[in-house]
């Protein structure tokens, strides 16, 4: 097991905040009157972009190449029926997994058999204080547990996922314990959860473990249905909100996807897991720490085309590294 996240966390502690907001020095006033300066239109403030490198990049996982020229530093593709490994790349590296966390959130909620029609309030506790992300689910909104689960899996709604964990029997701590207990029961020995959304970089796993999670989640029909939904309209008070899937491949006629989840935080990079059928084969695909939102999609397309072009079922793509 590669403790990549621990290495990157040490590097991350050394980052210093840059103060870019200092005002320019005041000019000295002159005695004689001066013509008024022409009004200058204020430039719009540029939206801050998080350019920090991912833990995988800090650990050098992007330096190695692979036969398919994947842009993800970590990848694993297996045949779901035979467990044959078709593609592997740093598949044992332990990294932050961002919103891929929500698959386990959904699995634990499903295990608990809680009433899906029960109405749950979004509270201040559900507001993201980790990354400061926004949400259209205002504090005070009421949604059914079923709708919250749908939004968490399809649209990666963070307040929805947090509310699911917060209202679990025993509260949030009990829910996180259930997440970790479920992971251990599945044999996911490299996986650790600290909260249900994936906003924390301390939620970590490996591609090998995540393939196991995808297989387990695929066995739950409700999780298959909700994660592959292209969109939904949800009534919130007097408003009707429309949400779409975060995975554009769900709407593509070239793909037959049985389960999926995307994820992103700066520490994790762009992530994607899927169960899909390609050339009659049921495959589980895991891509972690991709350089961009389109890169993870492009990696999936590369793998799909490669599988379609194979004549033999036993061909293995050489790995750059395997953990």
C-alpha atoms as a PDB file:
ATOM      1  CA  UNK A   1       0.000   0.000   0.000  1.00  0.00           C
ATOM      2  CA  UNK A   2       1.324   3.401  -0.961  1.00  0.00           C
ATOM      3  CA  UNK A   3       0.649   6.054   1.678  1.00  0.00           C
ATOM      4  CA  UNK A   4       0.463   8.744  -0.995  1.00  0.00           C
ATOM      5  CA  UNK A   5      -2.087  10.805   0.892  1.00  0.00           C
ATOM      6  CA  UNK A   6       0.089  10.944   3.997  1.00  0.00           C
ATOM      7  CA  UNK A   7       3.063  12.129   1.918  1.00  0.00           C
ATOM      8  CA  UNK A   8       0.990  14.775   0.168  1.00  0.00           C
ATOM      9  CA  UNK A   9      -0.567  15.907   3.434  1.00  0.00           C
ATOM     10  CA  UNK A  10       2.905  16.696   4.791  1.00  0.00           C
ATOM     11  CA  UNK A  11       3.621  18.746   1.686  1.00  0.00           C
ATOM     12  CA  UNK A  12       0.256  20.440   1.941  1.00  0.00           C
ATOM     13  CA  UNK A  13       1.001  21.617   5.487  1.00  0.00           C
ATOM     14  CA  UNK A  14       3.944  23.617   4.143  1.00  0.00           C
ATOM     15  CA  UNK A  15       1.861  25.758   1.800  1.00  0.00           C
ATOM     16  CA  UNK A  16       1.772  29.427   2.795  1.00  0.00           C
ATOM     17  CA  UNK A  17      -1.226  31.607   2.150  1.00  0.00           C
ATOM     18  CA  UNK A  18      -0.594  34.357  -0.372  1.00  0.00           C
ATOM     19  CA  UNK A  19      -2.054  37.733   0.466  1.00  0.00           C
ATOM     20  CA  UNK A  20      -3.178  39.191  -2.850  1.00  0.00           C
ATOM     21  CA  UNK A  21      -5.596  41.697  -1.424  1.00  0.00           C
ATOM     22  CA  UNK A  22      -3.379  44.520  -0.167  1.00  0.00           C
ATOM     23  CA  UNK A  23      -4.408  48.023  -1.147  1.00  0.00           C
ATOM     24  CA  UNK A  24      -1.908  50.234  -3.003  1.00  0.00           C
ATOM     25  CA  UNK A  25      -0.236  52.992  -0.931  1.00  0.00           C
ATOM     26  CA  UNK A  26      -2.156  56.234  -0.636  1.00  0.00           C
ATOM     27  CA  UNK A  27      -0.862  59.148  -2.734  1.00  0.00           C
ATOM     28  CA  UNK A  28       0.081  62.468  -1.104  1.00  0.00           C
ATOM     29  CA  UNK A  29      -2.465  65.278  -1.533  1.00  0.00           C
ATOM     30  CA  UNK A  30      -1.266  68.385  -3.476  1.00  0.00           C
ATOM     31  CA  UNK A  31      -2.315  71.915  -2.572  1.00  0.00           C
ATOM     32  CA  UNK A  32      -3.512  73.095  -5.988  1.00  0.00           C
ATOM     33  CA  UNK A  33      -6.740  71.849  -7.408  1.00  0.00           C
ATOM     34  CA  UNK A  34      -6.538  69.195 -10.015  1.00  0.00           C
ATOM     35  CA  UNK A  35      -8.978  68.209 -12.700  1.00  0.00           C
ATOM     36  CA  UNK A  36     -11.154  65.332 -11.605  1.00  0.00           C
ATOM     37  CA  UNK A  37      -9.843  62.066 -12.902  1.00  0.00           C
ATOM     38  CA  UNK A  38     -12.053  60.240 -15.376  1.00  0.00           C
ATOM     39  CA  UNK A  39     -14.157  57.530 -13.838  1.00  0.00           C
ATOM     40  CA  UNK A  40     -12.649  54.129 -14.277  1.00  0.00           C
ATOM     41  CA  UNK A  41     -14.953  51.168 -14.570  1.00  0.00           C
ATOM     42  CA  UNK A  42     -14.209  48.652 -11.883  1.00  0.00           C
ATOM     43  CA  UNK A  43     -13.014  45.377 -13.252  1.00  0.00           C
ATOM     44  CA  UNK A  44     -15.052  42.365 -12.278  1.00  0.00           C
ATOM     45  CA  UNK A  45     -13.406  40.228  -9.663  1.00  0.00           C
ATOM     46  CA  UNK A  46     -12.114  37.028 -11.142  1.00  0.00           C
ATOM     47  CA  UNK A  47     -13.453  33.875  -9.538  1.00  0.00           C
ATOM     48  CA  UNK A  48     -10.811  32.212  -7.426  1.00  0.00           C
ATOM     49  CA  UNK A  49      -9.533  29.006  -8.964  1.00  0.00           C
ATOM     50  CA  UNK A  50      -7.945  26.345  -6.793  1.00  0.00           C
ATOM     51  CA  UNK A  51      -4.707  25.496  -8.578  1.00  0.00           C
ATOM     52  CA  UNK A  52      -3.202  23.372  -5.821  1.00  0.00           C
ATOM     53  CA  UNK A  53      -1.819  20.068  -7.107  1.00  0.00           C
ATOM     54  CA  UNK A  54      -3.552  16.850  -6.112  1.00  0.00           C
ATOM     55  CA  UNK A  55      -2.022  14.427  -3.624  1.00  0.00           C
ATOM     56  CA  UNK A  56      -1.310  12.061  -6.501  1.00  0.00           C
ATOM     57  CA  UNK A  57       0.562  14.712  -8.449  1.00  0.00           C
ATOM     58  CA  UNK A  58       2.571  15.701  -5.379  1.00  0.00           C
ATOM     59  CA  UNK A  59       3.550  12.053  -4.977  1.00  0.00           C
ATOM     60  CA  UNK A  60       4.697  11.801  -8.608  1.00  0.00           C
ATOM     61  CA  UNK A  61       2.015   9.382  -9.773  1.00  0.00           C
ATOM     62  CA  UNK A  62       1.501  11.336 -13.010  1.00  0.00           C
ATOM     63  CA  UNK A  63       5.108  10.820 -14.079  1.00  0.00           C
ATOM     64  CA  UNK A  64       4.687   7.241 -15.251  1.00  0.00           C
ATOM     65  CA  UNK A  65       3.202   6.340 -18.631  1.00  0.00           C
ATOM     66  CA  UNK A  66       0.889   3.533 -19.692  1.00  0.00           C
ATOM     67  CA  UNK A  67      -0.095   1.755 -22.884  1.00  0.00           C
ATOM     68  CA  UNK A  68      -3.413   3.593 -23.245  1.00  0.00           C
ATOM     69  CA  UNK A  69      -1.965   7.039 -22.468  1.00  0.00           C
ATOM     70  CA  UNK A  70      -4.480   7.588 -19.665  1.00  0.00           C
ATOM     71  CA  UNK A  71      -4.664  11.026 -18.078  1.00  0.00           C
ATOM     72  CA  UNK A  72      -5.680   9.597 -14.711  1.00  0.00           C
ATOM     73  CA  UNK A  73      -2.757   8.759 -12.450  1.00  0.00           C
ATOM     74  CA  UNK A  74      -4.710   5.817 -11.023  1.00  0.00           C
ATOM     75  CA  UNK A  75      -6.866   3.397 -13.011  1.00  0.00           C
ATOM     76  CA  UNK A  76      -8.344  -0.058 -12.704  1.00  0.00           C
ATOM     77  CA  UNK A  77     -10.647  -1.919 -15.092  1.00  0.00           C
ATOM     78  CA  UNK A  78     -11.839  -5.421 -14.268  1.00  0.00           C
ATOM     79  CA  UNK A  79     -14.269  -7.932 -15.733  1.00  0.00           C
ATOM     80  CA  UNK A  80     -17.092  -8.034 -13.213  1.00  0.00           C
ATOM     81  CA  UNK A  81     -17.922 -11.681 -13.878  1.00  0.00           C
ATOM     82  CA  UNK A  82     -14.451 -13.224 -14.050  1.00  0.00           C
ATOM     83  CA  UNK A  83     -12.528 -10.643 -11.979  1.00  0.00           C
ATOM     84  CA  UNK A  84      -9.946 -10.544 -14.770  1.00  0.00           C
ATOM     85  CA  UNK A  85      -7.881  -7.360 -14.606  1.00  0.00           C
ATOM     86  CA  UNK A  86      -7.868  -5.627 -17.983  1.00  0.00           C
ATOM     87  CA  UNK A  87      -6.193  -2.336 -17.064  1.00  0.00           C
ATOM     88  CA  UNK A  88      -4.268  -1.388 -13.958  1.00  0.00           C
ATOM     89  CA  UNK A  89      -2.238   1.667 -13.042  1.00  0.00           C
ATOM     90  CA  UNK A  90      -1.219   2.554  -9.490  1.00  0.00           C
ATOM     91  CA  UNK A  91      -4.286   0.637  -8.363  1.00  0.00           C
ATOM     92  CA  UNK A  92      -3.066   0.191  -4.773  1.00  0.00           C
ATOM     93  CA  UNK A  93      -2.202   3.854  -4.205  1.00  0.00           C
ATOM     94  CA  UNK A  94      -4.308   5.362  -1.403  1.00  0.00           C
ATOM     95  CA  UNK A  95      -5.685   8.797  -2.294  1.00  0.00           C
ATOM     96  CA  UNK A  96      -8.552  11.123  -1.371  1.00  0.00           C
ATOM     97  CA  UNK A  97     -11.702   9.997  -3.210  1.00  0.00           C
ATOM     98  CA  UNK A  98     -13.908  13.107  -3.050  1.00  0.00           C
ATOM     99  CA  UNK A  99     -17.592  12.423  -3.832  1.00  0.00           C
ATOM    100  CA  UNK A 100     -16.999   8.784  -4.702  1.00  0.00           C
ATOM    101  CA  UNK A 101     -17.616   8.642  -0.945  1.00  0.00           C
ATOM    102  CA  UNK A 102     -21.332   9.027  -1.659  1.00  0.00           C
ATOM    103  CA  UNK A 103     -21.540   5.483  -3.030  1.00  0.00           C
ATOM    104  CA  UNK A 104     -20.794   4.205   0.465  1.00  0.00           C
ATOM    105  CA  UNK A 105     -23.218   6.769   1.873  1.00  0.00           C
ATOM    106  CA  UNK A 106     -25.907   5.322  -0.378  1.00  0.00           C
ATOM    107  CA  UNK A 107     -24.974   1.742   0.494  1.00  0.00           C
ATOM    108  CA  UNK A 108     -25.235   2.375   4.259  1.00  0.00           C
ATOM    109  CA  UNK A 109     -28.582   4.163   3.859  1.00  0.00           C
ATOM    110  CA  UNK A 110     -29.829   1.245   1.757  1.00  0.00           C
ATOM    111  CA  UNK A 111     -28.632  -1.278   4.353  1.00  0.00           C
ATOM    112  CA  UNK A 112     -30.556   0.540   7.093  1.00  0.00           C
ATOM    113  CA  UNK A 113     -33.926   0.180   5.317  1.00  0.00           C
ATOM    114  CA  UNK A 114     -35.023   3.607   6.515  1.00  0.00           C
ATOM    115  CA  UNK A 115     -38.337   4.990   5.169  1.00  0.00           C
ATOM    116  CA  UNK A 116     -37.650   6.725   1.871  1.00  0.00           C
ATOM    117  CA  UNK A 117     -40.734   8.938   2.201  1.00  0.00           C
ATOM    118  CA  UNK A 118     -39.721  10.434   5.564  1.00  0.00           C
ATOM    119  CA  UNK A 119     -39.270  14.193   5.258  1.00  0.00           C
ATOM    120  CA  UNK A 120     -35.897  15.573   6.378  1.00  0.00           C
ATOM    121  CA  UNK A 121     -34.999  19.226   6.986  1.00  0.00           C
ATOM    122  CA  UNK A 122     -31.779  20.768   5.695  1.00  0.00           C
ATOM    123  CA  UNK A 123     -30.148  22.473   8.692  1.00  0.00           C
ATOM    124  CA  UNK A 124     -27.147  24.691   9.288  1.00  0.00           C
ATOM    125  CA  UNK A 125     -25.207  21.561  10.215  1.00  0.00           C
ATOM    126  CA  UNK A 126     -25.436  20.461   6.571  1.00  0.00           C
ATOM    127  CA  UNK A 127     -23.743  23.612   5.246  1.00  0.00           C
ATOM    128  CA  UNK A 128     -20.226  22.940   3.949  1.00  0.00           C
ATOM    129  CA  UNK A 129     -17.588  24.482   6.189  1.00  0.00           C
ATOM    130  CA  UNK A 130     -14.807  22.291   4.769  1.00  0.00           C
ATOM    131  CA  UNK A 131     -14.584  23.726   1.246  1.00  0.00           C
ATOM    132  CA  UNK A 132     -17.228  26.460   1.277  1.00  0.00           C
ATOM    133  CA  UNK A 133     -19.190  24.861  -1.577  1.00  0.00           C
ATOM    134  CA  UNK A 134     -22.630  26.196  -2.412  1.00  0.00           C
ATOM    135  CA  UNK A 135     -25.966  24.423  -2.649  1.00  0.00           C
ATOM    136  CA  UNK A 136     -29.434  25.163  -3.945  1.00  0.00           C
ATOM    137  CA  UNK A 137     -30.909  23.344  -0.949  1.00  0.00           C
ATOM    138  CA  UNK A 138     -31.457  26.249   1.414  1.00  0.00           C
ATOM    139  CA  UNK A 139     -31.396  25.789   5.159  1.00  0.00           C
ATOM    140  CA  UNK A 140     -34.966  25.074   6.208  1.00  0.00           C
ATOM    141  CA  UNK A 141     -35.841  23.125   3.067  1.00  0.00           C
ATOM    142  CA  UNK A 142     -37.636  19.802   3.501  1.00  0.00           C
ATOM    143  CA  UNK A 143     -37.058  16.832   1.192  1.00  0.00           C
ATOM    144  CA  UNK A 144     -37.828  13.147   1.437  1.00  0.00           C
ATOM    145  CA  UNK A 145     -35.013  10.763   2.270  1.00  0.00           C
ATOM    146  CA  UNK A 146     -35.505   9.227  -1.161  1.00  0.00           C
ATOM    147  CA  UNK A 147     -35.030  12.575  -2.919  1.00  0.00           C
ATOM    148  CA  UNK A 148     -31.945  13.342  -0.811  1.00  0.00           C
ATOM    149  CA  UNK A 149     -30.424   9.999  -1.789  1.00  0.00           C
ATOM    150  CA  UNK A 150     -31.279  10.641  -5.439  1.00  0.00           C
ATOM    151  CA  UNK A 151     -29.598  14.065  -5.414  1.00  0.00           C
ATOM    152  CA  UNK A 152     -26.543  12.763  -3.567  1.00  0.00           C
ATOM    153  CA  UNK A 153     -25.907   9.969  -6.060  1.00  0.00           C
ATOM    154  CA  UNK A 154     -26.949  11.635  -9.324  1.00  0.00           C
ATOM    155  CA  UNK A 155     -25.959  15.280  -8.767  1.00  0.00           C
ATOM    156  CA  UNK A 156     -23.429  14.816  -5.957  1.00  0.00           C
ATOM    157  CA  UNK A 157     -25.427  17.183  -3.711  1.00  0.00           C
ATOM    158  CA  UNK A 158     -23.325  17.669  -0.568  1.00  0.00           C
ATOM    159  CA  UNK A 159     -26.029  18.967   1.751  1.00  0.00           C
ATOM    160  CA  UNK A 160     -28.226  16.054   0.734  1.00  0.00           C
ATOM    161  CA  UNK A 161     -25.498  13.534   1.583  1.00  0.00           C
ATOM    162  CA  UNK A 162     -24.717  15.217   4.893  1.00  0.00           C
ATOM    163  CA  UNK A 163     -28.396  15.308   5.876  1.00  0.00           C
ATOM    164  CA  UNK A 164     -28.637  11.576   5.188  1.00  0.00           C
ATOM    165  CA  UNK A 165     -25.758  10.904   7.558  1.00  0.00           C
ATOM    166  CA  UNK A 166     -26.921  13.390  10.194  1.00  0.00           C
ATOM    167  CA  UNK A 167     -30.399  11.814  10.436  1.00  0.00           C
ATOM    168  CA  UNK A 168     -29.111   8.225  10.566  1.00  0.00           C
ATOM    169  CA  UNK A 169     -30.100   6.390  13.784  1.00  0.00           C
ATOM    170  CA  UNK A 170     -27.502   7.418  16.359  1.00  0.00           C
ATOM    171  CA  UNK A 171     -26.449  10.511  14.428  1.00  0.00           C
ATOM    172  CA  UNK A 172     -23.490  11.392  12.232  1.00  0.00           C
ATOM    173  CA  UNK A 173     -20.850   9.600  14.303  1.00  0.00           C
ATOM    174  CA  UNK A 174     -22.844   6.381  14.136  1.00  0.00           C
ATOM    175  CA  UNK A 175     -23.214   6.825  10.394  1.00  0.00           C
ATOM    176  CA  UNK A 176     -19.485   7.286   9.792  1.00  0.00           C
ATOM    177  CA  UNK A 177     -18.806   4.210  11.925  1.00  0.00           C
ATOM    178  CA  UNK A 178     -21.300   2.267   9.813  1.00  0.00           C
ATOM    179  CA  UNK A 179     -19.483   3.430   6.666  1.00  0.00           C
ATOM    180  CA  UNK A 180     -16.148   2.178   7.960  1.00  0.00           C
ATOM    181  CA  UNK A 181     -17.642  -1.060   9.284  1.00  0.00           C
ATOM    182  CA  UNK A 182     -19.216  -1.738   5.882  1.00  0.00           C
ATOM    183  CA  UNK A 183     -15.904  -1.064   4.148  1.00  0.00           C
ATOM    184  CA  UNK A 184     -14.103  -3.502   6.433  1.00  0.00           C
ATOM    185  CA  UNK A 185     -16.801  -6.133   5.917  1.00  0.00           C
ATOM    186  CA  UNK A 186     -16.251  -5.830   2.162  1.00  0.00           C
ATOM    187  CA  UNK A 187     -12.500  -6.278   2.610  1.00  0.00           C
ATOM    188  CA  UNK A 188     -11.681  -2.663   1.727  1.00  0.00           C
ATOM    189  CA  UNK A 189      -8.612  -2.581   3.933  1.00  0.00           C
ATOM    190  CA  UNK A 190      -7.130   0.631   2.503  1.00  0.00           C
ATOM    191  CA  UNK A 191     -10.301   2.683   2.930  1.00  0.00           C
ATOM    192  CA  UNK A 192     -11.203   5.218   5.606  1.00  0.00           C
ATOM    193  CA  UNK A 193     -14.163   7.580   5.912  1.00  0.00           C
ATOM    194  CA  UNK A 194     -14.547  10.571   8.241  1.00  0.00           C
ATOM    195  CA  UNK A 195     -17.756  12.093   6.803  1.00  0.00           C
ATOM    196  CA  UNK A 196     -20.485  11.250   4.241  1.00  0.00           C
ATOM    197  CA  UNK A 197     -19.929  13.832   1.469  1.00  0.00           C
ATOM    198  CA  UNK A 198     -16.329  13.443   0.294  1.00  0.00           C
ATOM    199  CA  UNK A 199     -15.456  17.082   0.932  1.00  0.00           C
ATOM    200  CA  UNK A 200     -12.765  16.005   3.388  1.00  0.00           C
ATOM    201  CA  UNK A 201      -9.465  14.825   1.915  1.00  0.00           C
ATOM    202  CA  UNK A 202      -9.280  12.373   4.808  1.00  0.00           C
ATOM    203  CA  UNK A 203     -11.837  10.193   3.040  1.00  0.00           C
ATOM    204  CA  UNK A 204      -9.361   7.925   1.278  1.00  0.00           C
ATOM    205  CA  UNK A 205      -9.265   4.676  -0.651  1.00  0.00           C
ATOM    206  CA  UNK A 206      -7.523   2.800  -3.462  1.00  0.00           C
ATOM    207  CA  UNK A 207      -8.780   1.863  -6.926  1.00  0.00           C
ATOM    208  CA  UNK A 208      -8.698  -1.775  -5.849  1.00  0.00           C
ATOM    209  CA  UNK A 209     -10.990  -1.082  -2.890  1.00  0.00           C
ATOM    210  CA  UNK A 210     -13.295   1.150  -4.923  1.00  0.00           C
ATOM    211  CA  UNK A 211     -13.826  -1.598  -7.486  1.00  0.00           C
ATOM    212  CA  UNK A 212     -15.132  -3.732  -4.622  1.00  0.00           C
ATOM    213  CA  UNK A 213     -17.443  -0.908  -3.531  1.00  0.00           C
ATOM    214  CA  UNK A 214     -18.818  -0.488  -7.053  1.00  0.00           C
ATOM    215  CA  UNK A 215     -19.541  -4.209  -7.215  1.00  0.00           C
ATOM    216  CA  UNK A 216     -21.372  -4.117  -3.882  1.00  0.00           C
ATOM    217  CA  UNK A 217     -23.379  -1.000  -4.759  1.00  0.00           C
ATOM    218  CA  UNK A 218     -24.321  -2.511  -8.135  1.00  0.00           C
ATOM    219  CA  UNK A 219     -26.091  -5.311  -6.290  1.00  0.00           C
ATOM    220  CA  UNK A 220     -28.595  -2.781  -4.891  1.00  0.00           C
ATOM    221  CA  UNK A 221     -31.215  -1.978  -7.560  1.00  0.00           C
ATOM    222  CA  UNK A 222     -32.120   1.370  -5.980  1.00  0.00           C
ATOM    223  CA  UNK A 223     -28.509   2.590  -6.146  1.00  0.00           C
ATOM    224  CA  UNK A 224     -28.257   1.509  -9.791  1.00  0.00           C
ATOM    225  CA  UNK A 225     -31.439   3.388 -10.633  1.00  0.00           C
ATOM    226  CA  UNK A 226     -30.653   6.619  -8.804  1.00  0.00           C
ATOM    227  CA  UNK A 227     -26.982   6.916  -9.802  1.00  0.00           C
ATOM    228  CA  UNK A 228     -27.767   6.503 -13.515  1.00  0.00           C
ATOM    229  CA  UNK A 229     -30.745   8.844 -13.572  1.00  0.00           C
ATOM    230  CA  UNK A 230     -30.169  11.608 -16.167  1.00  0.00           C
ATOM    231  CA  UNK A 231     -32.146  14.233 -14.258  1.00  0.00           C
ATOM    232  CA  UNK A 232     -34.891  14.947 -11.755  1.00  0.00           C
ATOM    233  CA  UNK A 233     -37.244  17.738 -10.727  1.00  0.00           C
ATOM    234  CA  UNK A 234     -37.630  18.196  -6.974  1.00  0.00           C
ATOM    235  CA  UNK A 235     -40.285  20.299  -5.257  1.00  0.00           C
ATOM    236  CA  UNK A 236     -38.655  22.359  -2.502  1.00  0.00           C
ATOM    237  CA  UNK A 237     -41.233  24.570  -0.812  1.00  0.00           C
ATOM    238  CA  UNK A 238     -42.837  26.708  -3.501  1.00  0.00           C
ATOM    239  CA  UNK A 239     -40.002  26.102  -5.945  1.00  0.00           C
ATOM    240  CA  UNK A 240     -39.310  23.265  -8.337  1.00  0.00           C
ATOM    241  CA  UNK A 241     -35.589  22.607  -8.774  1.00  0.00           C
ATOM    242  CA  UNK A 242     -34.155  20.723 -11.744  1.00  0.00           C
ATOM    243  CA  UNK A 243     -31.016  18.657 -11.224  1.00  0.00           C
ATOM    244  CA  UNK A 244     -28.889  16.828 -13.784  1.00  0.00           C
ATOM    245  CA  UNK A 245     -26.379  14.012 -13.613  1.00  0.00           C
ATOM    246  CA  UNK A 246     -22.716  14.945 -13.120  1.00  0.00           C
ATOM    247  CA  UNK A 247     -21.669  12.233 -15.597  1.00  0.00           C
ATOM    248  CA  UNK A 248     -22.307  13.147 -19.231  1.00  0.00           C
ATOM    249  CA  UNK A 249     -21.757   9.525 -20.322  1.00  0.00           C
ATOM    250  CA  UNK A 250     -25.075   8.571 -18.716  1.00  0.00           C
ATOM    251  CA  UNK A 251     -26.878  10.360 -21.563  1.00  0.00           C
ATOM    252  CA  UNK A 252     -24.623   8.986 -24.299  1.00  0.00           C
ATOM    253  CA  UNK A 253     -26.107   6.341 -26.638  1.00  0.00           C
ATOM    254  CA  UNK A 254     -22.633   4.781 -26.854  1.00  0.00           C
ATOM    255  CA  UNK A 255     -22.666   3.724 -23.216  1.00  0.00           C
ATOM    256  CA  UNK A 256     -24.636   1.159 -21.222  1.00  0.00           C
ATOM    257  CA  UNK A 257     -23.974   2.240 -17.625  1.00  0.00           C
ATOM    258  CA  UNK A 258     -25.376   0.280 -14.702  1.00  0.00           C
ATOM    259  CA  UNK A 259     -23.933   2.369 -11.854  1.00  0.00           C
ATOM    260  CA  UNK A 260     -21.730   5.451 -11.679  1.00  0.00           C
ATOM    261  CA  UNK A 261     -20.340   8.195  -9.477  1.00  0.00           C
ATOM    262  CA  UNK A 262     -18.098  11.180 -10.121  1.00  0.00           C
ATOM    263  CA  UNK A 263     -16.032  13.176  -7.667  1.00  0.00           C
ATOM    264  CA  UNK A 264     -13.746  16.171  -7.341  1.00  0.00           C
ATOM    265  CA  UNK A 265     -11.833  18.105  -4.716  1.00  0.00           C
ATOM    266  CA  UNK A 266      -8.437  19.635  -5.403  1.00  0.00           C
ATOM    267  CA  UNK A 267      -6.662  17.033  -3.257  1.00  0.00           C
ATOM    268  CA  UNK A 268      -8.259  14.154  -5.184  1.00  0.00           C
ATOM    269  CA  UNK A 269      -8.326  15.490  -8.737  1.00  0.00           C
ATOM    270  CA  UNK A 270     -11.156  14.433 -11.034  1.00  0.00           C
ATOM    271  CA  UNK A 271     -12.495  10.962 -10.237  1.00  0.00           C
ATOM    272  CA  UNK A 272     -14.935   8.536 -11.865  1.00  0.00           C
ATOM    273  CA  UNK A 273     -16.195   5.029 -11.125  1.00  0.00           C
ATOM    274  CA  UNK A 274     -18.636   3.059 -13.266  1.00  0.00           C
ATOM    275  CA  UNK A 275     -20.178  -0.317 -13.872  1.00  0.00           C
ATOM    276  CA  UNK A 276     -20.778  -0.639 -17.585  1.00  0.00           C
ATOM    277  CA  UNK A 277     -21.198  -3.159 -20.375  1.00  0.00           C
ATOM    278  CA  UNK A 278     -18.753  -3.049 -23.311  1.00  0.00           C
ATOM    279  CA  UNK A 279     -18.810  -5.601 -26.138  1.00  0.00           C
ATOM    280  CA  UNK A 280     -20.975  -7.886 -24.037  1.00  0.00           C
ATOM    281  CA  UNK A 281     -18.632  -7.745 -21.040  1.00  0.00           C
ATOM    282  CA  UNK A 282     -19.687  -6.331 -17.671  1.00  0.00           C
ATOM    283  CA  UNK A 283     -16.841  -4.082 -16.563  1.00  0.00           C
ATOM    284  CA  UNK A 284     -16.007  -2.057 -13.478  1.00  0.00           C
ATOM    285  CA  UNK A 285     -13.942   1.050 -14.223  1.00  0.00           C
ATOM    286  CA  UNK A 286     -12.135   3.217 -11.694  1.00  0.00           C
ATOM    287  CA  UNK A 287     -10.279   6.427 -12.601  1.00  0.00           C
ATOM    288  CA  UNK A 288      -8.692   8.587  -9.895  1.00  0.00           C
ATOM    289  CA  UNK A 289      -6.719  11.818  -9.928  1.00  0.00           C
ATOM    290  CA  UNK A 290      -7.404  12.800 -13.523  1.00  0.00           C
ATOM    291  CA  UNK A 291      -6.083  16.158 -14.673  1.00  0.00           C
ATOM    292  CA  UNK A 292      -9.454  17.556 -15.768  1.00  0.00           C
ATOM    293  CA  UNK A 293     -13.193  16.929 -15.846  1.00  0.00           C
ATOM    294  CA  UNK A 294     -13.036  15.942 -19.516  1.00  0.00           C
ATOM    295  CA  UNK A 295      -9.905  13.851 -19.016  1.00  0.00           C
ATOM    296  CA  UNK A 296     -11.669  11.299 -16.851  1.00  0.00           C
ATOM    297  CA  UNK A 297     -14.358  10.970 -19.528  1.00  0.00           C
ATOM    298  CA  UNK A 298     -11.698  10.668 -22.219  1.00  0.00           C
ATOM    299  CA  UNK A 299      -9.973   7.914 -20.234  1.00  0.00           C
ATOM    300  CA  UNK A 300     -13.219   5.965 -20.059  1.00  0.00           C
ATOM    301  CA  UNK A 301     -13.655   6.379 -23.806  1.00  0.00           C
ATOM    302  CA  UNK A 302     -10.086   5.157 -24.421  1.00  0.00           C
ATOM    303  CA  UNK A 303     -10.738   2.039 -22.391  1.00  0.00           C
ATOM    304  CA  UNK A 304     -14.081   1.395 -24.099  1.00  0.00           C
ATOM    305  CA  UNK A 305     -12.527   1.628 -27.566  1.00  0.00           C
ATOM    306  CA  UNK A 306      -9.624  -0.579 -26.506  1.00  0.00           C
ATOM    307  CA  UNK A 307     -11.958  -3.277 -25.175  1.00  0.00           C
ATOM    308  CA  UNK A 308     -14.088  -3.112 -28.315  1.00  0.00           C
ATOM    309  CA  UNK A 309     -10.983  -3.627 -30.444  1.00  0.00           C
ATOM    310  CA  UNK A 310      -9.753  -6.661 -28.548  1.00  0.00           C
ATOM    311  CA  UNK A 311     -10.192 -10.114 -30.039  1.00  0.00           C
ATOM    312  CA  UNK A 312      -8.965 -12.032 -27.030  1.00  0.00           C
ATOM    313  CA  UNK A 313     -10.408 -11.809 -23.503  1.00  0.00           C
ATOM    314  CA  UNK A 314      -7.059 -12.394 -21.841  1.00  0.00           C
ATOM    315  CA  UNK A 315      -5.065  -9.357 -23.058  1.00  0.00           C
ATOM    316  CA  UNK A 316      -3.692  -7.276 -20.178  1.00  0.00           C
ATOM    317  CA  UNK A 317      -2.557  -3.684 -20.587  1.00  0.00           C
ATOM    318  CA  UNK A 318       0.966  -3.333 -19.111  1.00  0.00           C
ATOM    319  CA  UNK A 319       0.999  -1.121 -16.067  1.00  0.00           C
ATOM    320  CA  UNK A 320       3.301   1.784 -15.459  1.00  0.00           C
ATOM    321  CA  UNK A 321       3.267   0.828 -11.781  1.00  0.00           C
ATOM    322  CA  UNK A 322       0.922  -1.225  -9.660  1.00  0.00           C
ATOM    323  CA  UNK A 323       0.897   0.363  -6.267  1.00  0.00           C
END
